[in-house]
Amino acid sequence: MFKSIDLKNDPIPKLFLCFSIPSVTGMLINALYAIVDGIFIGRFVGADALAAITIGLICTLSSTQFNYQHFFL
């Protein structure tokens, strides 16, 4: 089973690791996906499609940051 996290009594370094590891893992997976997607799109479809994928990635990352900012405020 999963151990519960006590935000009031647990030490801050432990809490920091418990919350940062999933976030960093998600960012690494997203970056790997963008790299592999760029390789395949750039090689098989062309430069215009690669530019569109890059713009789409920037829009996705910006909207994610905007949503997180409003979630934590």
N, C-alpha and C. Protein backbone atom coordinates (compact mmCIF):
# COMPACT_ATOMS: atom_id res chain seq x y z
N MET A 1 0.83 -1.19 0.00
CA MET A 1 0.00 0.00 0.00
C MET A 1 0.87 1.25 0.00
N PHE A 2 0.23 2.36 -0.28
CA PHE A 2 0.93 3.64 -0.31
C PHE A 2 0.96 4.25 1.08
N LYS A 3 2.09 4.86 1.40
CA LYS A 3 2.21 5.55 2.68
C LYS A 3 1.64 6.95 2.51
N SER A 4 0.87 7.38 3.47
CA SER A 4 0.25 8.70 3.38
C SER A 4 1.31 9.79 3.66
N ILE A 5 1.05 10.95 3.08
CA ILE A 5 1.94 12.09 3.26
C ILE A 5 1.26 13.06 4.21
N ASP A 6 1.97 13.38 5.29
CA ASP A 6 1.44 14.32 6.28
C ASP A 6 2.11 15.67 6.05
N LEU A 7 1.39 16.61 5.43
CA LEU A 7 1.97 17.90 5.10
C LEU A 7 2.29 18.74 6.33
N LYS A 8 1.68 18.43 7.43
CA LYS A 8 1.89 19.23 8.64
C LYS A 8 3.12 18.78 9.43
N ASN A 9 3.38 17.47 9.47
CA ASN A 9 4.40 16.97 10.37
C ASN A 9 5.64 16.41 9.67
N ASP A 10 5.57 16.06 8.40
CA ASP A 10 6.72 15.49 7.70
C ASP A 10 7.77 16.57 7.45
N PRO A 11 9.05 16.17 7.41
CA PRO A 11 10.10 17.17 7.14
C PRO A 11 10.02 17.70 5.71
N ILE A 12 10.41 18.95 5.54
CA ILE A 12 10.28 19.63 4.25
C ILE A 12 11.10 18.95 3.15
N PRO A 13 12.35 18.51 3.39
CA PRO A 13 13.08 17.84 2.30
C PRO A 13 12.37 16.58 1.78
N LYS A 14 11.77 15.83 2.68
CA LYS A 14 11.03 14.64 2.26
C LYS A 14 9.82 15.02 1.42
N LEU A 15 9.11 16.04 1.84
CA LEU A 15 7.95 16.50 1.08
C LEU A 15 8.36 17.04 -0.29
N PHE A 16 9.48 17.76 -0.30
CA PHE A 16 9.98 18.30 -1.56
C PHE A 16 10.27 17.17 -2.55
N LEU A 17 10.92 16.12 -2.09
CA LEU A 17 11.22 14.99 -2.96
C LEU A 17 9.95 14.26 -3.39
N CYS A 18 9.01 14.11 -2.48
CA CYS A 18 7.76 13.41 -2.82
C CYS A 18 6.97 14.13 -3.91
N PHE A 19 7.05 15.44 -3.94
CA PHE A 19 6.30 16.20 -4.93
C PHE A 19 7.12 16.52 -6.18
N SER A 20 8.45 16.61 -6.05
CA SER A 20 9.25 17.00 -7.21
C SER A 20 9.59 15.83 -8.13
N ILE A 21 9.75 14.64 -7.59
CA ILE A 21 10.11 13.50 -8.43
C ILE A 21 9.05 13.21 -9.50
N PRO A 22 7.76 13.15 -9.18
CA PRO A 22 6.77 12.94 -10.25
C PRO A 22 6.73 14.08 -11.26
N SER A 23 6.95 15.30 -10.81
CA SER A 23 6.94 16.44 -11.71
C SER A 23 8.11 16.39 -12.68
N VAL A 24 9.29 16.12 -12.17
CA VAL A 24 10.48 16.03 -13.03
C VAL A 24 10.35 14.86 -13.99
N THR A 25 9.83 13.74 -13.53
CA THR A 25 9.63 12.58 -14.40
C THR A 25 8.68 12.93 -15.53
N GLY A 26 7.61 13.61 -15.23
CA GLY A 26 6.66 14.02 -16.27
C GLY A 26 7.29 14.96 -17.28
N MET A 27 8.11 15.90 -16.82
CA MET A 27 8.78 16.82 -17.74
C MET A 27 9.77 16.09 -18.63
N LEU A 28 10.50 15.11 -18.08
CA LEU A 28 11.44 14.34 -18.89
C LEU A 28 10.73 13.51 -19.95
N ILE A 29 9.61 12.92 -19.59
CA ILE A 29 8.84 12.14 -20.56
C ILE A 29 8.30 13.06 -21.66
N ASN A 30 7.82 14.23 -21.28
CA ASN A 30 7.32 15.19 -22.27
C ASN A 30 8.45 15.64 -23.20
N ALA A 31 9.65 15.89 -22.67
CA ALA A 31 10.78 16.30 -23.50
C ALA A 31 11.20 15.18 -24.44
N LEU A 32 11.23 13.96 -23.94
CA LEU A 32 11.58 12.82 -24.79
C LEU A 32 10.56 12.64 -25.92
N TYR A 33 9.29 12.80 -25.60
CA TYR A 33 8.25 12.72 -26.62
C TYR A 33 8.44 13.80 -27.69
N ALA A 34 8.77 15.02 -27.27
CA ALA A 34 8.96 16.11 -28.22
C ALA A 34 10.17 15.84 -29.12
N ILE A 35 11.24 15.30 -28.56
CA ILE A 35 12.43 15.00 -29.35
C ILE A 35 12.14 13.91 -30.38
N VAL A 36 11.53 12.83 -29.96
CA VAL A 36 11.22 11.73 -30.88
C VAL A 36 10.22 12.19 -31.93
N ASP A 37 9.23 12.95 -31.53
CA ASP A 37 8.24 13.48 -32.48
C ASP A 37 8.91 14.38 -33.51
N GLY A 38 9.83 15.23 -33.07
CA GLY A 38 10.56 16.09 -33.98
C GLY A 38 11.41 15.33 -34.97
N ILE A 39 12.04 14.25 -34.51
CA ILE A 39 12.85 13.44 -35.40
C ILE A 39 12.00 12.82 -36.50
N PHE A 40 10.89 12.19 -36.13
CA PHE A 40 10.06 11.53 -37.13
C PHE A 40 9.37 12.51 -38.06
N ILE A 41 8.83 13.58 -37.49
CA ILE A 41 8.14 14.56 -38.33
C ILE A 41 9.13 15.26 -39.27
N GLY A 42 10.28 15.66 -38.76
CA GLY A 42 11.27 16.34 -39.58
C GLY A 42 11.83 15.47 -40.68
N ARG A 43 11.98 14.18 -40.39
CA ARG A 43 12.57 13.29 -41.37
C ARG A 43 11.57 12.84 -42.43
N PHE A 44 10.33 12.56 -42.04
CA PHE A 44 9.39 11.94 -42.97
C PHE A 44 8.37 12.91 -43.56
N VAL A 45 8.08 14.01 -42.89
CA VAL A 45 7.05 14.92 -43.40
C VAL A 45 7.67 16.18 -43.98
N GLY A 46 8.59 16.80 -43.25
CA GLY A 46 9.25 17.97 -43.81
C GLY A 46 9.41 19.10 -42.81
N ALA A 47 10.04 20.17 -43.30
CA ALA A 47 10.38 21.30 -42.43
C ALA A 47 9.15 22.08 -41.97
N ASP A 48 8.15 22.22 -42.85
CA ASP A 48 6.93 22.95 -42.46
C ASP A 48 6.19 22.24 -41.33
N ALA A 49 6.11 20.93 -41.43
CA ALA A 49 5.44 20.17 -40.37
C ALA A 49 6.23 20.24 -39.07
N LEU A 50 7.56 20.23 -39.17
CA LEU A 50 8.38 20.35 -37.96
C LEU A 50 8.18 21.70 -37.29
N ALA A 51 8.05 22.75 -38.09
CA ALA A 51 7.78 24.08 -37.53
C ALA A 51 6.42 24.11 -36.83
N ALA A 52 5.42 23.46 -37.43
CA ALA A 52 4.10 23.41 -36.82
C ALA A 52 4.12 22.65 -35.49
N ILE A 53 4.86 21.55 -35.45
CA ILE A 53 4.98 20.77 -34.21
C ILE A 53 5.67 21.60 -33.12
N THR A 54 6.69 22.36 -33.50
CA THR A 54 7.41 23.19 -32.53
C THR A 54 6.50 24.27 -31.96
N ILE A 55 5.72 24.92 -32.82
CA ILE A 55 4.78 25.94 -32.35
C ILE A 55 3.72 25.31 -31.45
N GLY A 56 3.25 24.14 -31.83
CA GLY A 56 2.27 23.43 -31.00
C GLY A 56 2.82 23.08 -29.63
N LEU A 57 4.10 22.67 -29.58
CA LEU A 57 4.72 22.34 -28.30
C LEU A 57 4.82 23.58 -27.41
N ILE A 58 5.17 24.71 -27.99
CA ILE A 58 5.26 25.95 -27.21
C ILE A 58 3.89 26.33 -26.65
N CYS A 59 2.85 26.19 -27.47
CA CYS A 59 1.49 26.49 -27.00
C CYS A 59 1.07 25.54 -25.88
N THR A 60 1.41 24.27 -26.01
CA THR A 60 1.06 23.29 -24.99
C THR A 60 1.77 23.59 -23.67
N LEU A 61 3.07 23.87 -23.74
CA LEU A 61 3.82 24.17 -22.52
C LEU A 61 3.33 25.46 -21.87
N SER A 62 3.00 26.45 -22.68
CA SER A 62 2.49 27.72 -22.13
C SER A 62 1.15 27.53 -21.44
N SER A 63 0.27 26.76 -22.05
CA SER A 63 -1.05 26.54 -21.43
C SER A 63 -0.92 25.71 -20.16
N THR A 64 0.01 24.77 -20.13
CA THR A 64 0.24 23.98 -18.92
C THR A 64 0.74 24.86 -17.79
N GLN A 65 1.68 25.73 -18.10
CA GLN A 65 2.21 26.65 -17.08
C GLN A 65 1.12 27.58 -16.59
N PHE A 66 0.29 28.07 -17.49
CA PHE A 66 -0.80 28.97 -17.11
C PHE A 66 -1.79 28.25 -16.20
N ASN A 67 -2.12 27.01 -16.50
CA ASN A 67 -3.06 26.25 -15.67
C ASN A 67 -2.47 25.96 -14.30
N TYR A 68 -1.19 25.60 -14.21
CA TYR A 68 -0.57 25.35 -12.92
C TYR A 68 -0.50 26.61 -12.08
N GLN A 69 -0.23 27.74 -12.73
CA GLN A 69 -0.12 28.99 -12.00
C GLN A 69 -1.45 29.34 -11.34
N HIS A 70 -2.55 29.14 -12.03
CA HIS A 70 -3.86 29.45 -11.46
C HIS A 70 -4.29 28.40 -10.43
N PHE A 71 -3.76 27.18 -10.58
CA PHE A 71 -4.10 26.13 -9.62
C PHE A 71 -3.50 26.40 -8.26
N PHE A 72 -2.28 26.92 -8.23
CA PHE A 72 -1.57 27.11 -6.96
C PHE A 72 -1.80 28.48 -6.33
N LEU A 73 -2.42 29.40 -7.03
CA LEU A 73 -2.64 30.72 -6.44
C LEU A 73 -3.91 30.78 -5.65
